[in-house]
Protein backbone atom coordinates (compact mmCIF):
# COMPACT_ATOMS: atom_id res chain seq x y z
CA MET A 1 113.61 74.26 -107.94
CA PRO A 2 116.61 76.34 -109.04
CA PRO A 3 118.19 78.80 -106.68
CA GLU A 4 117.25 81.95 -108.80
CA THR A 5 113.64 80.71 -109.04
CA ALA A 6 113.51 80.14 -105.36
CA ALA A 7 114.83 83.68 -104.72
CA TRP A 8 112.18 85.12 -107.27
CA VAL A 9 109.46 83.12 -105.28
CA ALA A 10 110.59 84.64 -101.95
CA ARG A 11 110.32 88.25 -103.21
CA THR A 12 107.22 88.11 -105.25
CA PRO A 13 103.97 88.77 -103.53
CA TYR A 14 101.90 86.15 -105.60
CA ARG A 15 99.82 84.87 -102.71
CA GLU A 16 98.86 88.44 -101.80
CA LEU A 17 97.82 89.13 -105.33
CA VAL A 18 95.76 85.95 -105.79
CA GLY A 19 94.14 86.51 -102.40
CA SER A 20 93.20 90.10 -103.47
CA LEU A 21 91.79 88.72 -106.93
CA ASN A 22 89.80 86.12 -104.90
CA TYR A 23 88.19 88.93 -102.80
CA ILE A 24 87.40 91.04 -105.84
CA ALA A 25 85.81 88.03 -107.58
CA VAL A 26 83.65 87.45 -104.55
CA ALA A 27 82.87 90.88 -103.74
CA THR A 28 82.34 92.85 -106.92
CA ARG A 29 83.66 91.01 -110.12
CA PRO A 30 82.23 87.51 -110.61
CA ASP A 31 83.55 87.60 -114.15
CA ILE A 32 87.24 86.85 -112.80
CA ALA A 33 86.21 83.99 -110.49
CA TYR A 34 87.41 81.12 -112.78
CA ALA A 35 90.78 82.86 -113.34
CA ALA A 36 91.23 83.72 -109.67
CA GLY A 37 90.41 80.11 -108.79
CA HIS A 38 92.80 78.80 -111.36
CA LEU A 39 95.61 80.96 -110.10
CA ALA A 40 94.95 79.84 -106.59
CA SER A 41 95.59 76.25 -107.64
CA PHE A 42 99.35 77.27 -107.92
CA LEU A 43 99.78 78.83 -104.45
CA GLY A 44 101.92 75.91 -103.27
CA CYS A 45 104.44 76.15 -106.18
CA TYR A 46 104.07 79.09 -108.47
CA ARG A 47 106.35 80.10 -111.44
CA PRO A 48 106.92 83.30 -113.32
CA GLU A 49 104.34 82.31 -115.87
CA ASP A 50 101.79 82.10 -113.09
CA TRP A 51 102.65 85.66 -112.02
CA THR A 52 102.45 87.01 -115.61
CA ALA A 53 98.93 85.39 -115.65
CA ALA A 54 97.81 87.13 -112.58
CA ILE A 55 99.19 90.41 -113.97
CA ARG A 56 97.01 89.87 -117.05
CA VAL A 57 93.99 89.47 -115.00
CA LEU A 58 94.85 92.82 -113.39
CA GLY A 59 95.15 94.34 -116.91
CA TYR A 60 91.66 92.89 -117.69
CA LEU A 61 90.25 94.53 -114.55
CA LYS A 62 91.95 97.75 -115.44
CA GLY A 63 90.46 97.65 -119.04
CA THR A 64 87.05 96.81 -117.88
CA ARG A 65 86.62 99.06 -114.89
CA ALA A 66 84.03 101.18 -116.72
CA LEU A 67 81.81 98.31 -117.59
CA PHE A 68 79.08 97.32 -115.08
CA LEU A 69 75.72 95.67 -114.90
CA VAL A 70 72.46 97.64 -114.60
CA LEU A 71 69.66 96.14 -112.62
CA GLY A 72 66.18 97.49 -112.99
CA GLY A 73 65.17 99.53 -115.98
CA THR A 74 61.55 100.43 -117.04
CA ASN A 75 60.00 97.05 -116.49
CA PRO A 76 59.15 96.17 -112.79
CA LEU A 77 60.99 93.12 -111.45
CA THR A 78 58.66 90.26 -110.44
CA LEU A 79 59.74 86.77 -109.33
CA VAL A 80 57.14 84.10 -110.19
CA GLY A 81 57.76 80.63 -108.69
CA TYR A 82 55.76 77.66 -107.91
CA SER A 83 56.28 74.56 -105.72
CA ILE A 84 54.89 71.32 -106.74
CA GLN A 85 54.38 67.94 -105.03
CA VAL A 86 52.88 65.13 -107.14
CA ARG A 87 51.41 62.05 -105.65
CA GLY A 88 50.10 59.11 -107.68
CA PHE A 89 50.97 55.92 -109.43
CA VAL A 90 54.32 55.76 -111.46
CA VAL A 91 53.44 54.99 -114.97
CA GLY A 92 55.98 53.45 -117.10
CA LEU A 93 56.58 50.24 -119.34
CA GLN A 94 58.21 48.33 -116.57
CA ASN A 95 56.55 49.73 -113.41
CA PHE A 96 52.98 50.29 -114.36
CA GLY A 97 50.75 50.34 -111.25
CA GLN A 98 53.67 50.07 -108.69
CA ALA A 99 53.47 51.59 -105.27
CA GLN A 100 52.53 55.23 -104.87
CA ARG A 101 55.36 57.68 -105.00
CA ARG A 102 55.99 61.40 -104.41
CA HIS A 103 57.89 63.74 -106.72
CA THR A 104 58.89 67.21 -105.44
CA GLY A 105 60.33 70.12 -107.41
CA TYR A 106 59.91 73.85 -108.12
CA CYS A 107 59.42 75.91 -111.20
CA MET A 108 60.80 79.51 -111.60
CA GLN A 109 59.07 81.04 -114.71
CA ASP A 110 60.47 79.16 -117.65
CA PHE A 111 62.23 76.11 -116.15
CA PHE A 112 61.36 73.16 -113.89
CA VAL A 113 63.90 71.77 -111.47
CA HIS A 114 63.25 68.29 -110.07
CA MET A 115 64.44 67.84 -106.55
CA GLY A 116 65.77 64.49 -105.59
CA SER A 117 64.59 61.05 -106.59
CA PRO A 118 61.14 59.65 -106.23
CA ARG A 119 60.31 58.57 -102.71
CA LYS A 120 57.74 56.04 -101.43
CA ILE A 121 54.94 57.31 -99.39
């Protein structure tokens, strides 16, 4: 690293800025989480370009400080979920009539999530 860059690194609070951006991303602004994580990957050896990118994130925060999410509204919030456990024969071309297996998953309103692989009972 050239001596002038090393002197710049010594007097620039890059680590503190990125730590503050990470805190902001976790606490109140998840929209900057990717940028803060990417900037954190250069903590070991950062350059003036990385400092400029961090300052641009601060500019984004300043420009969007009046924007926010509104939760609630006129419709009541309801969470609808189901848990499912299916037991039975696995039916397929290669495994018709094989041992009984159990599939577990859950459904939250419009999507189904399969949990794990089939297990023998």
